[in-house]
Amino acid sequence: MKPLLLLHGALGTAQQLEPLAQQLGGYPAVRTFTFYGHGEAPAPAAGYSFDMFASNILHYLDDNDIPQVDIFGFSMGGYAALYFALRHPDRVGKIATLGTKLVWTPEGSAQEVKMLDADKLEAKVPAFAQHLKTLHGDQNWRSVLAATAQMMLNLGNEPPLKGHDYQALKHELLLSIGDKDQTAGLEDTVATYRLVPKAQLWVLPGTPHPIEKVDLAALANGLKVFFGA
């Protein structure tokens, strides 16, 4: 069986997925890593891009002698997984996503970046600001926020994945979405599901966007069924 690679979401690190990895304890090989420019590594001067994230995935697979991998991506990690699969189809088996925003517009991007201001976060949501400092360091968390905001604006202006890209995806895909997810959007997830030839749709009841509020035992069981573990 292929290893399962877990990809974290925006503003996260590999630490975000450690609870899920523990729930997947019966899976033969679960791996994760932190995207470049997150955690203690400073955000790159050129900012974040999905070309960079895809390069991170490829280097991780090559460095660990993994010829092919199944992937679960949360939020941004799911988008990165799909982008990578289209560019390196032979390196990917099955893909599952959760809470991934699949349809980007300038208006949607502007909405997303409203709270990605470090000063506003410290003033209005100090607990979350402290969480980001813990993940990325007292200095680096501001650059992570700024780079993420710019990435989201870029996604709205020129989405790397469009309808024809989803139609071209040949992998088996499980698109998972919480029915209370106001970030990724149930309607956009359903619309994308209809474009992908080998897609399955899984709507998690009573579930908002943050992975901390997801029933991880249920998620892990669903992933094991999909990946055949």
Protein backbone atom coordinates (compact mmCIF):
# COMPACT_ATOMS: atom_id res chain seq x y z
CA MET A 1 0.00 0.00 0.00
CA LYS A 2 1.19 3.51 -0.80
CA PRO A 3 2.17 5.90 1.99
CA LEU A 4 -0.41 8.54 2.88
CA LEU A 5 0.86 12.11 2.84
CA LEU A 6 -1.05 14.69 4.91
CA LEU A 7 -0.85 18.32 3.72
CA HIS A 8 -1.71 21.14 6.11
CA GLY A 9 -3.80 24.22 5.42
CA ALA A 10 -3.01 27.94 5.15
CA LEU A 11 -1.41 29.42 8.29
CA GLY A 12 -0.76 25.88 9.53
CA THR A 13 2.17 23.50 9.89
CA ALA A 14 2.51 19.73 10.04
CA GLN A 15 1.51 20.04 13.71
CA GLN A 16 -2.05 20.84 12.56
CA LEU A 17 -2.47 17.28 11.30
CA GLU A 18 -0.81 15.34 14.11
CA PRO A 19 -4.17 14.52 15.80
CA LEU A 20 -5.49 13.11 12.51
CA ALA A 21 -2.27 11.15 11.99
CA GLN A 22 -2.81 9.56 15.41
CA GLN A 23 -6.36 8.58 14.41
CA LEU A 24 -4.88 6.96 11.30
CA GLY A 25 -2.57 4.86 13.47
CA GLY A 26 -3.61 1.61 11.76
CA TYR A 27 -2.60 2.95 8.36
CA PRO A 28 0.70 1.41 7.16
CA ALA A 29 2.59 4.68 6.64
CA VAL A 30 1.34 8.20 7.40
CA ARG A 31 3.65 11.12 6.64
CA THR A 32 3.44 14.88 6.79
CA PHE A 33 5.70 17.88 6.41
CA THR A 34 5.52 21.65 6.74
CA PHE A 35 5.40 23.71 3.55
CA TYR A 36 8.36 26.00 3.00
CA GLY A 37 7.90 29.44 4.52
CA HIS A 38 5.74 28.12 7.38
CA GLY A 39 6.78 27.28 10.90
CA GLU A 40 10.19 28.66 11.81
CA ALA A 41 11.27 29.05 8.16
CA PRO A 42 10.75 32.66 7.02
CA ALA A 43 8.25 33.28 4.25
CA PRO A 44 10.07 33.60 0.90
CA ALA A 45 10.58 37.08 -0.52
CA ALA A 46 8.67 36.06 -3.66
CA GLY A 47 5.71 34.98 -1.52
CA TYR A 48 3.75 31.74 -1.68
CA SER A 49 2.64 30.07 -4.89
CA PHE A 50 1.29 26.67 -5.80
CA ASP A 51 4.30 26.11 -8.02
CA MET A 52 6.35 26.42 -4.83
CA PHE A 53 4.05 24.10 -2.88
CA ALA A 54 4.14 21.52 -5.69
CA SER A 55 7.93 21.73 -5.68
CA ASN A 56 7.89 21.14 -1.91
CA ILE A 57 5.82 17.97 -2.39
CA LEU A 58 8.04 16.69 -5.21
CA HIS A 59 11.23 17.29 -3.23
CA TYR A 60 9.75 15.54 -0.20
CA LEU A 61 8.86 12.47 -2.26
CA ASP A 62 12.26 12.39 -3.97
CA ASP A 63 14.20 12.96 -0.74
CA ASN A 64 12.34 10.08 0.92
CA ASP A 65 12.49 7.71 -2.08
CA ILE A 66 8.71 7.58 -2.42
CA PRO A 67 7.75 6.80 -6.03
CA GLN A 68 4.00 7.29 -5.53
CA VAL A 69 1.82 8.50 -2.69
CA ASP A 70 -1.82 8.89 -1.71
CA ILE A 71 -2.59 12.41 -0.44
CA PHE A 72 -5.00 13.96 2.03
CA GLY A 73 -5.03 17.75 2.00
CA PHE A 74 -6.84 20.01 4.41
CA SER A 75 -8.00 23.39 3.04
CA MET A 76 -5.03 24.89 1.14
CA GLY A 77 -3.29 21.53 1.34
CA GLY A 78 -6.06 20.00 -0.74
CA TYR A 79 -5.64 22.64 -3.44
CA ALA A 80 -1.89 21.98 -3.43
CA ALA A 81 -2.54 18.23 -3.77
CA LEU A 82 -4.77 18.73 -6.82
CA TYR A 83 -2.31 21.15 -8.41
CA PHE A 84 0.54 18.69 -7.84
CA ALA A 85 -1.44 15.75 -9.22
CA LEU A 86 -2.14 17.55 -12.48
CA ARG A 87 1.56 18.33 -12.96
CA HIS A 88 2.99 15.06 -11.69
CA PRO A 89 0.17 12.54 -12.26
CA ASP A 90 2.40 9.46 -11.99
CA ARG A 91 3.52 10.38 -8.46
CA VAL A 92 -0.01 10.36 -7.01
CA GLY A 93 -2.49 7.56 -6.36
CA LYS A 94 -5.73 8.68 -4.74
CA ILE A 95 -6.49 12.14 -3.35
CA ALA A 96 -8.83 13.23 -0.56
CA THR A 97 -9.50 16.82 0.44
CA LEU A 98 -11.35 18.43 3.32
CA GLY A 99 -12.58 22.00 3.44
CA THR A 100 -10.71 23.04 0.30
CA LYS A 101 -11.84 26.25 -1.38
CA LEU A 102 -11.98 25.15 -5.01
CA VAL A 103 -13.55 28.17 -6.70
CA TRP A 104 -11.75 31.51 -6.34
CA THR A 105 -12.95 34.97 -7.40
CA PRO A 106 -11.62 38.47 -6.65
CA GLU A 107 -14.61 39.08 -4.38
CA GLY A 108 -14.11 35.83 -2.51
CA SER A 109 -10.42 36.49 -2.06
CA ALA A 110 -11.07 39.96 -0.69
CA GLN A 111 -13.42 38.43 1.87
CA GLU A 112 -10.84 35.85 2.89
CA VAL A 113 -8.05 38.36 3.54
CA LYS A 114 -10.07 40.72 5.74
CA MET A 115 -8.83 39.11 8.94
CA LEU A 116 -5.28 38.34 7.77
CA ASP A 117 -3.95 41.53 9.32
CA ALA A 118 -1.61 40.92 12.24
CA ASP A 119 -2.56 44.05 14.19
CA LYS A 120 -6.29 43.33 13.84
CA LEU A 121 -5.81 39.73 14.91
CA GLU A 122 -3.89 40.72 18.00
CA ALA A 123 -6.59 43.22 18.93
CA LYS A 124 -9.70 41.18 18.09
CA VAL A 125 -8.64 37.52 18.31
CA PRO A 126 -5.61 37.47 20.62
CA ALA A 127 -5.86 33.72 21.28
CA PHE A 128 -5.56 32.96 17.56
CA ALA A 129 -2.70 35.44 17.20
CA GLN A 130 -0.89 33.65 20.03
CA HIS A 131 -1.56 30.32 18.33
CA LEU A 132 0.11 31.61 15.15
CA LYS A 133 3.07 32.87 17.16
CA THR A 134 3.44 29.41 18.66
CA LEU A 135 3.36 27.77 15.23
CA HIS A 136 5.54 30.21 13.29
CA GLY A 137 7.55 32.13 15.88
CA ASP A 138 7.14 35.56 17.43
CA GLN A 139 8.70 37.27 14.41
CA ASN A 140 7.75 35.04 11.49
CA TRP A 141 3.99 34.85 12.07
CA ARG A 142 3.47 38.32 10.61
CA SER A 143 5.27 37.45 7.39
CA VAL A 144 3.26 34.22 7.13
CA LEU A 145 0.04 36.22 7.42
CA ALA A 146 1.14 38.77 4.83
CA ALA A 147 2.32 36.11 2.36
CA THR A 148 -0.91 34.12 2.80
CA ALA A 149 -3.02 37.23 2.21
CA GLN A 150 -1.16 38.01 -1.01
CA MET A 151 -1.44 34.40 -2.15
CA MET A 152 -5.21 34.53 -1.67
CA LEU A 153 -5.49 37.76 -3.63
CA ASN A 154 -3.47 36.14 -6.42
CA LEU A 155 -5.79 33.13 -6.35
CA GLY A 156 -8.78 35.40 -6.85
CA ASN A 157 -7.21 37.27 -9.74
CA GLU A 158 -5.78 34.23 -11.52
CA PRO A 159 -6.81 30.86 -10.08
CA PRO A 160 -4.22 28.15 -10.83
CA LEU A 161 -7.04 25.59 -11.15
CA LYS A 162 -10.08 26.24 -13.32
CA GLY A 163 -12.97 24.15 -14.52
CA HIS A 164 -11.07 22.49 -17.36
CA ASP A 165 -8.28 21.52 -14.95
CA TYR A 166 -10.72 19.68 -12.71
CA GLN A 167 -12.19 17.95 -15.74
CA ALA A 168 -8.70 16.78 -16.73
CA LEU A 169 -8.00 15.17 -13.35
CA LYS A 170 -7.83 11.39 -13.82
CA HIS A 171 -7.21 10.36 -10.22
CA GLU A 172 -9.79 8.97 -7.82
CA LEU A 173 -10.79 11.93 -5.68
CA LEU A 174 -12.77 12.27 -2.46
CA LEU A 175 -14.01 15.82 -1.93
CA SER A 176 -14.99 16.21 1.72
CA ILE A 177 -16.81 19.27 3.03
CA GLY A 178 -18.54 20.14 6.28
CA ASP A 179 -22.15 21.19 5.84
CA LYS A 180 -21.43 24.24 8.05
CA ASP A 181 -18.21 25.22 6.23
CA GLN A 182 -18.52 28.89 5.33
CA THR A 183 -14.92 29.10 4.07
CA ALA A 184 -14.75 26.43 1.37
CA GLY A 185 -18.47 26.51 0.56
CA LEU A 186 -20.69 23.49 0.05
CA GLU A 187 -22.11 24.72 -3.27
CA ASP A 188 -18.69 25.27 -4.87
CA THR A 189 -17.53 21.86 -3.66
CA VAL A 190 -20.58 20.17 -5.18
CA ALA A 191 -20.09 22.05 -8.45
CA THR A 192 -16.45 20.93 -8.64
CA TYR A 193 -17.37 17.34 -7.74
CA ARG A 194 -19.55 17.27 -10.85
CA LEU A 195 -16.57 18.21 -13.03
CA VAL A 196 -14.11 15.54 -11.90
CA PRO A 197 -14.58 12.20 -13.72
CA LYS A 198 -13.64 9.95 -10.76
CA ALA A 199 -14.82 12.09 -7.86
CA GLN A 200 -16.79 11.13 -4.77
CA LEU A 201 -18.50 13.66 -2.52
CA TRP A 202 -18.61 13.38 1.27
CA VAL A 203 -20.59 15.93 3.27
CA LEU A 204 -19.77 15.83 6.99
CA PRO A 205 -22.85 16.73 9.07
CA GLY A 206 -22.69 19.51 11.64
CA THR A 207 -19.12 20.37 10.66
CA PRO A 208 -17.62 23.87 10.19
CA HIS A 209 -14.30 24.66 8.53
CA PRO A 210 -11.64 24.48 11.30
CA ILE A 211 -10.11 21.01 11.48
CA GLU A 212 -10.05 21.37 15.26
CA LYS A 213 -13.87 21.13 15.14
CA VAL A 214 -13.99 18.05 12.89
CA ASP A 215 -14.83 14.61 14.27
CA LEU A 216 -11.38 13.17 13.55
CA ALA A 217 -12.33 9.59 14.35
CA ALA A 218 -15.10 9.72 11.74
CA LEU A 219 -12.81 11.47 9.26
CA ALA A 220 -10.08 8.89 9.75
CA ASN A 221 -12.51 6.02 9.26
CA GLY A 222 -13.81 7.58 6.05
CA LEU A 223 -10.29 8.09 4.74
CA LYS A 224 -9.35 4.48 5.52
CA VAL A 225 -12.34 3.26 3.51
CA PHE A 226 -11.52 5.54 0.57
CA PHE A 227 -7.81 4.72 0.51
CA GLY A 228 -8.41 1.04 1.14
CA ALA A 229 -6.44 0.84 4.39
